[in-house]
Protein backbone atom coordinates (compact mmCIF):
# COMPACT_ATOMS: atom_id res chain seq x y z
CA MET A 1 43.47 44.61 41.85
CA PRO A 2 45.04 41.57 40.09
CA PRO A 3 42.63 38.80 39.04
CA ARG A 4 41.97 36.16 41.69
CA PHE A 5 42.04 32.39 41.02
CA PHE A 6 40.87 29.49 43.16
CA VAL A 7 43.39 26.67 43.20
CA GLY A 8 42.18 24.57 46.08
CA ASN A 9 41.63 21.41 44.02
CA CYS A 10 45.36 20.98 43.29
CA GLU A 11 47.58 18.35 44.89
CA THR A 12 50.35 20.83 45.44
CA ALA A 13 49.94 23.29 48.33
CA LEU A 14 50.50 26.97 47.94
CA ALA A 15 53.81 28.03 49.56
CA ALA A 16 55.69 31.32 49.33
CA GLY A 17 58.75 31.22 47.06
CA THR A 18 57.69 28.17 45.08
CA ASP A 19 56.67 27.74 41.43
CA PHE A 20 53.06 26.59 41.17
CA GLU A 21 51.48 24.78 38.24
CA LEU A 22 48.06 26.31 37.61
CA PRO A 23 45.14 23.91 36.99
CA GLN A 24 43.59 23.66 33.49
CA ALA A 25 40.48 25.63 34.47
CA VAL A 26 42.65 28.52 35.63
CA VAL A 27 44.87 28.28 32.49
CA ARG A 28 41.74 28.76 30.36
CA HIS A 29 40.66 31.72 32.45
CA VAL A 30 44.11 33.23 32.18
CA HIS A 31 43.84 33.05 28.42
CA VAL A 32 40.35 34.55 28.43
CA LEU A 33 41.69 37.52 30.46
CA ARG A 34 44.63 37.80 28.01
CA LEU A 35 47.21 37.70 30.75
CA ALA A 36 50.87 37.28 29.97
CA PRO A 37 54.11 36.25 31.75
CA GLY A 38 55.00 38.93 34.20
CA ASP A 39 51.43 39.79 35.09
CA ALA A 40 50.34 39.77 38.76
CA VAL A 41 47.58 37.37 39.99
CA ILE A 42 46.27 36.33 43.34
CA LEU A 43 45.94 32.67 44.27
CA PHE A 44 43.84 31.19 47.10
CA ASP A 45 43.00 27.62 48.10
CA GLY A 46 39.76 28.30 50.00
CA ARG A 47 41.17 27.48 53.45
CA GLY A 48 41.98 31.06 54.41
CA GLY A 49 44.18 33.87 53.23
CA SER A 50 45.72 34.33 49.73
CA HIS A 51 49.05 34.62 47.98
CA ALA A 52 50.22 37.29 45.54
CA ALA A 53 51.81 35.62 42.54
CA THR A 54 53.48 36.36 39.21
CA LEU A 55 52.93 34.46 36.00
CA LEU A 56 56.23 32.97 34.79
CA GLU A 57 55.24 30.77 31.86
CA LEU A 58 52.15 30.49 29.74
CA ASP A 59 51.26 28.45 26.71
CA LYS A 60 48.02 26.89 25.44
CA ARG A 61 47.65 24.22 28.09
CA HIS A 62 50.20 25.22 30.73
CA ALA A 63 50.82 28.05 33.15
CA LEU A 64 53.36 28.45 35.93
CA ALA A 65 53.32 31.11 38.62
CA ARG A 66 55.79 32.15 41.24
CA VAL A 67 54.01 32.30 44.58
CA GLY A 68 54.62 35.28 46.84
CA ASP A 69 53.98 35.87 50.51
CA HIS A 70 50.85 34.77 52.25
CA ASP A 71 48.27 37.47 53.04
CA ALA A 72 46.14 36.31 56.02
CA THR A 73 43.47 38.98 55.45
CA GLU A 74 39.95 37.53 55.94
CA THR A 75 36.58 38.91 54.89
CA GLU A 76 34.38 36.34 56.65
CA LEU A 77 31.31 37.25 58.74
CA PRO A 78 31.54 37.27 62.47
CA PHE A 79 29.62 33.94 62.69
CA ARG A 80 28.90 31.01 60.47
CA ILE A 81 25.63 30.98 58.49
CA THR A 82 24.38 27.83 56.81
CA LEU A 83 21.63 28.29 54.18
CA ALA A 84 19.37 25.26 53.92
CA GLN A 85 17.46 26.09 50.75
CA GLY A 86 14.55 24.26 49.12
CA LEU A 87 15.41 23.53 45.51
CA ALA A 88 14.30 26.35 43.23
CA GLY A 89 13.48 25.99 39.52
CA GLY A 90 15.21 27.30 36.47
CA ASP A 91 18.40 29.25 37.05
CA LYS A 92 17.20 30.54 40.48
CA MET A 93 19.24 28.04 42.41
CA ASP A 94 22.39 29.17 40.58
CA TRP A 95 21.60 32.79 41.52
CA LEU A 96 20.98 31.76 45.15
CA VAL A 97 24.33 30.06 45.45
CA GLU A 98 26.22 32.94 43.83
CA LYS A 99 24.59 35.58 46.06
CA ALA A 100 24.75 33.52 49.25
CA VAL A 101 28.51 33.16 48.78
CA GLU A 102 28.86 36.89 48.06
CA LEU A 103 26.99 37.78 51.22
CA GLY A 104 29.10 35.48 53.41
CA VAL A 105 27.25 32.19 53.84
CA ALA A 106 29.68 29.48 55.07
CA ALA A 107 27.71 26.45 53.80
CA ILE A 108 24.83 25.63 51.54
CA GLN A 109 22.45 22.67 51.86
CA PRO A 110 20.18 22.14 48.91
CA LEU A 111 16.93 20.46 49.98
CA GLN A 112 14.32 18.43 48.11
CA THR A 113 10.95 19.54 49.45
CA VAL A 114 7.27 18.75 48.70
CA ARG A 115 6.81 21.93 46.63
CA SER A 116 10.22 21.86 44.82
CA VAL A 117 9.57 22.09 41.06
CA VAL A 118 12.95 20.55 40.37
CA ARG A 119 13.41 16.85 41.29
CA LEU A 120 17.01 15.72 41.62
CA SER A 121 18.45 12.33 42.47
CA GLY A 122 21.35 10.06 41.56
CA GLU A 123 23.84 11.22 38.96
CA ARG A 124 21.78 14.27 38.06
CA ALA A 125 21.91 15.45 41.65
CA GLN A 126 25.69 14.90 41.82
CA LYS A 127 26.22 16.91 38.68
CA ARG A 128 24.14 19.81 39.98
CA GLN A 129 26.06 19.73 43.27
CA ALA A 130 29.34 19.92 41.39
CA HIS A 131 27.95 22.74 39.24
CA TRP A 132 26.94 24.73 42.32
CA GLN A 133 30.28 24.14 43.98
CA ALA A 134 31.98 25.54 40.87
CA LEU A 135 29.70 28.54 41.08
CA ALA A 136 30.72 29.03 44.69
CA GLU A 137 34.35 28.96 43.67
CA ALA A 138 33.77 31.56 40.98
CA ALA A 139 31.83 33.76 43.39
CA CYS A 140 34.74 33.69 45.88
CA GLU A 141 37.09 34.75 43.08
CA GLN A 142 34.93 37.71 42.29
CA CYS A 143 33.89 38.91 45.79
CA GLY A 144 37.25 38.52 47.54
CA ARG A 145 36.44 35.70 49.97
CA ASN A 146 39.31 33.44 50.79
CA ARG A 147 37.32 30.63 52.51
CA LEU A 148 35.31 28.50 50.10
CA PRO A 149 31.79 27.56 51.24
CA ALA A 150 30.87 23.96 50.82
CA VAL A 151 27.76 23.00 48.84
CA ALA A 152 26.44 19.80 50.34
CA PRO A 153 24.84 16.95 48.38
CA VAL A 154 21.09 17.38 47.73
CA ALA A 155 19.08 15.91 50.68
CA ASN A 156 15.44 15.28 51.29
CA LEU A 157 14.10 17.63 53.93
CA ASP A 158 12.67 14.87 56.07
CA LYS A 159 16.08 13.07 56.17
CA TRP A 160 18.01 16.29 56.80
CA LEU A 161 15.96 17.57 59.72
CA PRO A 162 17.13 14.97 62.27
CA ALA A 163 20.74 15.49 61.25
CA ALA A 164 20.73 19.27 61.18
CA GLY A 165 22.65 19.57 64.37
CA THR A 166 22.27 22.02 67.25
CA GLY A 167 22.44 25.79 67.66
CA ASN A 168 20.43 28.59 66.17
CA ARG A 169 18.34 26.86 63.54
CA LEU A 170 15.77 29.18 62.09
CA LEU A 171 12.76 28.42 60.00
CA VAL A 172 11.83 31.34 57.72
CA SER A 173 7.97 31.27 57.69
CA PRO A 174 5.06 33.63 56.97
CA ARG A 175 3.42 32.26 60.11
CA ALA A 176 6.21 33.62 62.39
CA VAL A 177 5.74 36.51 64.76
CA HIS A 178 9.37 37.54 65.09
CA SER A 179 11.51 38.97 62.32
CA LEU A 180 14.94 37.66 61.39
CA PRO A 181 16.72 40.98 61.95
CA ALA A 182 15.05 41.26 65.42
CA TYR A 183 16.11 37.78 66.32
CA ALA A 184 19.67 38.44 65.15
CA ALA A 185 19.88 41.71 67.03
CA ALA A 186 18.57 40.05 70.28
CA ASN A 187 20.81 36.98 70.05
CA THR A 188 24.13 38.41 68.78
CA ASP A 189 26.27 36.68 71.38
CA ALA A 190 24.68 33.22 70.86
CA LEU A 191 24.96 33.68 67.02
CA ARG A 192 28.59 34.67 67.20
CA ALA A 193 29.24 31.62 69.42
CA GLY A 194 27.29 28.98 67.46
CA GLY A 195 26.37 30.43 64.13
CA ALA A 196 22.98 29.95 62.49
CA THR A 197 21.13 27.73 59.98
CA LEU A 198 18.35 29.38 57.90
CA LEU A 199 15.80 26.98 56.42
CA ILE A 200 14.00 28.57 53.44
CA GLY A 201 11.45 26.92 51.19
CA PRO A 202 11.32 26.92 47.35
CA GLU A 203 8.99 29.10 45.23
CA GLY A 204 5.84 27.75 46.85
CA GLY A 205 7.33 27.79 50.40
CA LEU A 206 7.47 24.79 52.64
CA ALA A 207 4.28 22.76 52.99
CA PRO A 208 2.48 23.16 56.32
CA GLU A 209 3.36 19.58 57.27
CA GLU A 210 7.03 20.33 56.54
CA GLU A 211 7.01 23.35 58.83
CA ASP A 212 5.34 21.32 61.50
CA ALA A 213 7.90 18.56 61.12
CA ALA A 214 10.73 21.10 61.46
CA LEU A 215 9.24 22.57 64.62
CA HIS A 216 8.36 19.16 66.08
CA ALA A 217 12.00 18.14 65.63
CA ALA A 218 12.88 21.02 67.91
CA LEU A 219 15.24 22.21 65.23
CA HIS A 220 13.85 25.57 64.24
CA ARG A 221 12.34 28.73 65.58
CA ARG A 222 10.07 30.53 63.16
CA VAL A 223 11.15 33.93 61.93
CA THR A 224 9.86 36.13 59.07
CA GLY A 225 11.90 37.84 56.47
CA PRO A 226 13.60 41.22 57.03
CA ALA A 227 11.56 44.24 57.98
CA HIS A 228 13.56 46.85 56.14
CA PRO A 229 12.33 49.72 53.99
CA ALA A 230 13.96 48.10 50.93
CA HIS A 231 12.43 44.70 51.73
CA ARG A 232 8.76 45.36 52.43
CA ASN A 233 7.57 42.92 49.74
CA CYS A 234 9.58 40.01 51.24
CA ARG A 235 7.48 36.93 52.18
CA ALA A 236 8.67 33.38 52.88
CA ARG A 237 6.43 31.69 50.29
CA LEU A 238 8.44 33.36 47.55
CA PRO A 239 5.97 33.27 44.60
CA GLY A 240 8.24 33.31 41.55
CA ASN A 241 10.97 35.15 43.44
CA THR A 242 12.82 32.61 45.51
CA GLU A 243 16.25 33.91 44.71
CA ARG A 244 15.28 37.58 45.44
CA HIS A 245 13.72 36.66 48.77
CA ALA A 246 16.65 34.55 50.03
CA GLY A 247 18.99 37.37 48.88
CA ARG A 248 17.04 39.85 50.92
CA ILE A 249 17.10 37.67 54.06
CA LEU A 250 20.81 37.22 53.70
CA MET A 251 21.32 40.96 53.15
CA ALA A 252 19.39 41.60 56.38
CA VAL A 253 21.58 39.17 58.30
CA HIS A 254 24.59 40.83 56.66
CA ALA A 255 23.40 44.23 57.76
CA ILE A 256 22.95 43.01 61.36
CA LEU A 257 26.42 41.48 61.41
CA HIS A 258 28.00 44.65 60.16
CA ASP A 259 25.84 47.00 62.29
CA LYS A 260 24.29 48.76 59.35
CA GLY A 261 21.01 49.64 61.01
CA VAL A 262 18.24 47.34 59.83
CA ASP A 263 14.68 48.02 61.07
CA HIS A 264 14.08 45.33 63.70
CA GLY A 265 10.31 45.15 63.55
CA THR A 266 8.31 42.25 62.16
CA THR A 267 6.93 41.94 58.68
CA ARG A 268 3.47 41.04 59.92
């Protein structure tokens, strides 16, 4: 498989039969991979499908590729999943973004919550958003997705709740009585039609008043994490393992979507 490169930030659109100037970030990556003129690559712009291409020219700061035919193959999940994730500390948020993209999440909403260790605002928040968006691009390159998930600006949970929209909006909580896999299995048609938003807290979980606010806003139904033999230690408060927990939840949803036989019991 030729290396894949995201080129969606370019002014020029990909078109079969044209010569395409690769952006600087891709040029640097091409050099790291020690590619040379004549080598095959795959280019995608994040809006669907990809193009086979061949490197024509390459120097220190410049690379030109001849764009081949469009391949409309998609690897997206049957319905749209938005991950609304409380900000996690350290490099956990990076891991969450990467794995969420690999597992098929269509959008990521970072949320400032009461128990978030990291506090982001202003320019620092904008830089982190740009960093996470770049991680999403890199994850798409690696996992074969051709549609780029958007990482939204950091928002406060109390401001985000009223604007969260409609549909299947699920609050992952240790106080729930229904498991996420059971909910997904019982509501497949609704999920395929309207997608789902999963609200997950940071390391300490959402504060009780935040859970109450989410439910009072009629935005979320409580569900627990996956009840799967490989996921028995999963809990929504995520003590020290936020990224692992969210990954397990997304894996459970992924299994449901691809009919891979997840245990549909509760975790209680």
